[in-house]
Amino acid sequence: MPDILDYKQIVSDSVAFTRKEVGSSWSKIKPYADHEFIQFAENAFFLARLKLTGVIEADELKSRLQMQKLAMQNVLLAIKGVGIVTAQNVVNGVLDIVSGAIKKAINIILPV
C-alpha cells in the first residue's frame, strides 16, 4: 500500500467535479479552487496518518476533518459567484475524491 497521495490526480478529479458543479462561475474560482483542493488533500492525509499512527482517535479525526470542510466551504463562499448550496456540493464532492485517495493510499476511511 503506498504511503503517498497522487495530488495531481486529486486536483484533476476535483477540478473536473467542481467545473461541472459551478458552471459559468468556473473561470472566477479556478485559481483558488486548485490551491484549496491541494491544501485540503494534504490536511486530510495528515489527519488520516495521525489516526493511523494512533496519535488521534476516530472522534478527533472526525472533528478535525469537519473543521477542514468548513474552512474549504468558507473559502469557496468568499469567491464571488458561488452560492452556499454550490459550495457545499463542491466540498462534499471533493471530500469524496480525497477520501477515496486516502483509503487507497493508507487504508484509512475518513468519517464523512
C-alpha atoms as a PDB file:
ATOM      1  CA  MET A   1       0.000   0.000   0.000  1.00  0.00           C
ATOM      2  CA  PRO A   2       1.589   3.345  -0.999  1.00  0.00           C
ATOM      3  CA  ASP A   3       2.191   5.939   1.662  1.00  0.00           C
ATOM      4  CA  ILE A   4       1.696   8.887  -0.664  1.00  0.00           C
ATOM      5  CA  LEU A   5      -1.207  10.580  -2.350  1.00  0.00           C
ATOM      6  CA  ASP A   6      -1.400  11.384  -6.032  1.00  0.00           C
ATOM      7  CA  TYR A   7      -2.141  15.074  -5.556  1.00  0.00           C
ATOM      8  CA  LYS A   8      -2.123  15.674  -9.301  1.00  0.00           C
ATOM      9  CA  GLN A   9      -4.936  13.140  -9.755  1.00  0.00           C
ATOM     10  CA  ILE A  10      -6.855  14.501  -6.770  1.00  0.00           C
ATOM     11  CA  VAL A  11      -6.691  18.031  -8.165  1.00  0.00           C
ATOM     12  CA  SER A  12      -7.632  16.806 -11.642  1.00  0.00           C
ATOM     13  CA  ASP A  13     -10.658  14.887 -10.357  1.00  0.00           C
ATOM     14  CA  SER A  14     -11.649  17.725  -8.019  1.00  0.00           C
ATOM     15  CA  VAL A  15     -11.359  20.335 -10.762  1.00  0.00           C
ATOM     16  CA  ALA A  16     -13.476  18.245 -13.145  1.00  0.00           C
ATOM     17  CA  PHE A  17     -16.157  17.797 -10.493  1.00  0.00           C
ATOM     18  CA  THR A  18     -16.119  21.473  -9.478  1.00  0.00           C
ATOM     19  CA  ARG A  19     -16.145  22.757 -13.043  1.00  0.00           C
ATOM     20  CA  LYS A  20     -19.314  20.765 -13.687  1.00  0.00           C
ATOM     21  CA  GLU A  21     -20.892  21.891 -10.409  1.00  0.00           C
ATOM     22  CA  VAL A  22     -20.241  25.641 -10.712  1.00  0.00           C
ATOM     23  CA  GLY A  23     -20.764  26.018 -14.462  1.00  0.00           C
ATOM     24  CA  SER A  24     -20.092  29.508 -15.766  1.00  0.00           C
ATOM     25  CA  SER A  25     -18.513  30.671 -12.489  1.00  0.00           C
ATOM     26  CA  TRP A  26     -15.597  28.273 -13.013  1.00  0.00           C
ATOM     27  CA  SER A  27     -13.145  30.756 -14.502  1.00  0.00           C
ATOM     28  CA  LYS A  28     -13.554  33.000 -11.457  1.00  0.00           C
ATOM     29  CA  ILE A  29     -12.801  30.336  -8.892  1.00  0.00           C
ATOM     30  CA  LYS A  30     -10.253  28.064 -10.636  1.00  0.00           C
ATOM     31  CA  PRO A  31      -7.042  29.562  -9.160  1.00  0.00           C
ATOM     32  CA  TYR A  32      -8.454  29.483  -5.649  1.00  0.00           C
ATOM     33  CA  ALA A  33     -10.014  26.069  -6.081  1.00  0.00           C
ATOM     34  CA  ASP A  34      -6.760  24.473  -7.286  1.00  0.00           C
ATOM     35  CA  HIS A  35      -4.933  25.763  -4.235  1.00  0.00           C
ATOM     36  CA  GLU A  36      -7.681  24.788  -1.799  1.00  0.00           C
ATOM     37  CA  PHE A  37      -8.014  21.261  -3.189  1.00  0.00           C
ATOM     38  CA  ILE A  38      -4.313  20.595  -2.720  1.00  0.00           C
ATOM     39  CA  GLN A  39      -4.387  22.077   0.776  1.00  0.00           C
ATOM     40  CA  PHE A  40      -7.487  20.082   1.716  1.00  0.00           C
ATOM     41  CA  ALA A  41      -5.971  16.818   0.463  1.00  0.00           C
ATOM     42  CA  GLU A  42      -2.719  17.465   2.334  1.00  0.00           C
ATOM     43  CA  ASN A  43      -4.577  18.275   5.553  1.00  0.00           C
ATOM     44  CA  ALA A  44      -6.878  15.252   5.284  1.00  0.00           C
ATOM     45  CA  PHE A  45      -3.920  12.968   4.579  1.00  0.00           C
ATOM     46  CA  PHE A  46      -2.030  14.406   7.555  1.00  0.00           C
ATOM     47  CA  LEU A  47      -5.027  13.782   9.830  1.00  0.00           C
ATOM     48  CA  ALA A  48      -5.522  10.268   8.473  1.00  0.00           C
ATOM     49  CA  ARG A  49      -1.858   9.469   9.184  1.00  0.00           C
ATOM     50  CA  LEU A  50      -2.278  10.757  12.745  1.00  0.00           C
ATOM     51  CA  LYS A  51      -5.184   8.351  13.145  1.00  0.00           C
ATOM     52  CA  LEU A  52      -3.227   5.511  11.539  1.00  0.00           C
ATOM     53  CA  THR A  53      -0.307   6.017  13.921  1.00  0.00           C
ATOM     54  CA  GLY A  54      -2.514   6.323  17.000  1.00  0.00           C
ATOM     55  CA  VAL A  55      -1.809   9.981  17.677  1.00  0.00           C
ATOM     56  CA  ILE A  56      -5.509  10.822  17.447  1.00  0.00           C
ATOM     57  CA  GLU A  57      -8.663   8.751  17.841  1.00  0.00           C
ATOM     58  CA  ALA A  58     -11.565   8.402  15.400  1.00  0.00           C
ATOM     59  CA  ASP A  59     -13.668  11.089  17.093  1.00  0.00           C
ATOM     60  CA  GLU A  60     -10.855  13.621  16.876  1.00  0.00           C
ATOM     61  CA  LEU A  61     -10.260  12.730  13.223  1.00  0.00           C
ATOM     62  CA  LYS A  62     -13.922  13.358  12.517  1.00  0.00           C
ATOM     63  CA  SER A  63     -13.899  16.661  14.401  1.00  0.00           C
ATOM     64  CA  ARG A  64     -10.753  17.957  12.723  1.00  0.00           C
ATOM     65  CA  LEU A  65     -11.993  16.852   9.318  1.00  0.00           C
ATOM     66  CA  GLN A  66     -15.210  18.784   9.906  1.00  0.00           C
ATOM     67  CA  MET A  67     -13.142  21.908  10.607  1.00  0.00           C
ATOM     68  CA  GLN A  68     -11.268  21.379   7.322  1.00  0.00           C
ATOM     69  CA  LYS A  69     -14.556  21.031   5.439  1.00  0.00           C
ATOM     70  CA  LEU A  70     -15.846  24.282   6.945  1.00  0.00           C
ATOM     71  CA  ALA A  71     -12.626  26.090   6.087  1.00  0.00           C
ATOM     72  CA  MET A  72     -12.824  24.994   2.454  1.00  0.00           C
ATOM     73  CA  GLN A  73     -16.501  25.907   2.279  1.00  0.00           C
ATOM     74  CA  ASN A  74     -15.767  29.389   3.633  1.00  0.00           C
ATOM     75  CA  VAL A  75     -13.073  29.958   1.031  1.00  0.00           C
ATOM     76  CA  LEU A  76     -15.424  28.900  -1.750  1.00  0.00           C
ATOM     77  CA  LEU A  77     -18.226  31.070  -0.369  1.00  0.00           C
ATOM     78  CA  ALA A  78     -15.891  34.053  -0.324  1.00  0.00           C
ATOM     79  CA  ILE A  79     -15.321  33.742  -4.048  1.00  0.00           C
ATOM     80  CA  LYS A  80     -17.819  35.793  -5.994  1.00  0.00           C
ATOM     81  CA  GLY A  81     -20.448  33.794  -7.818  1.00  0.00           C
ATOM     82  CA  VAL A  82     -20.543  30.665  -5.682  1.00  0.00           C
ATOM     83  CA  GLY A  83     -23.624  30.214  -3.538  1.00  0.00           C
ATOM     84  CA  ILE A  84     -23.888  28.193  -0.351  1.00  0.00           C
ATOM     85  CA  VAL A  85     -25.533  25.140  -1.936  1.00  0.00           C
ATOM     86  CA  THR A  86     -22.971  25.037  -4.734  1.00  0.00           C
ATOM     87  CA  ALA A  87     -20.112  25.485  -2.262  1.00  0.00           C
ATOM     88  CA  GLN A  88     -21.434  22.647  -0.094  1.00  0.00           C
ATOM     89  CA  ASN A  89     -21.828  20.391  -3.130  1.00  0.00           C
ATOM     90  CA  VAL A  90     -18.230  21.114  -4.143  1.00  0.00           C
ATOM     91  CA  VAL A  91     -16.956  20.448  -0.613  1.00  0.00           C
ATOM     92  CA  ASN A  92     -18.814  17.139  -0.440  1.00  0.00           C
ATOM     93  CA  GLY A  93     -17.649  16.049  -3.894  1.00  0.00           C
ATOM     94  CA  VAL A  94     -14.017  16.929  -3.236  1.00  0.00           C
ATOM     95  CA  LEU A  95     -14.161  15.213   0.149  1.00  0.00           C
ATOM     96  CA  ASP A  96     -15.352  12.040  -1.568  1.00  0.00           C
ATOM     97  CA  ILE A  97     -12.435  12.259  -4.017  1.00  0.00           C
ATOM     98  CA  VAL A  98      -9.869  12.901  -1.264  1.00  0.00           C
ATOM     99  CA  SER A  99     -11.375  10.212   0.962  1.00  0.00           C
ATOM    100  CA  GLY A 100     -11.111   7.635  -1.820  1.00  0.00           C
ATOM    101  CA  ALA A 101      -7.486   8.557  -2.457  1.00  0.00           C
ATOM    102  CA  ILE A 102      -6.606   8.298   1.247  1.00  0.00           C
ATOM    103  CA  LYS A 103      -8.338   4.931   1.541  1.00  0.00           C
ATOM    104  CA  LYS A 104      -6.338   3.683  -1.431  1.00  0.00           C
ATOM    105  CA  ALA A 105      -3.050   5.136  -0.121  1.00  0.00           C
ATOM    106  CA  ILE A 106      -3.134   4.144   3.557  1.00  0.00           C
ATOM    107  CA  ASN A 107      -6.410   2.255   4.024  1.00  0.00           C
ATOM    108  CA  ILE A 108      -7.983   4.803   6.377  1.00  0.00           C
ATOM    109  CA  ILE A 109     -11.644   5.593   5.807  1.00  0.00           C
ATOM    110  CA  LEU A 110     -12.438   9.216   6.556  1.00  0.00           C
ATOM    111  CA  PRO A 111     -15.624   9.715   8.574  1.00  0.00           C
ATOM    112  CA  VAL A 112     -17.602  11.713   6.031  1.00  0.00           C
END
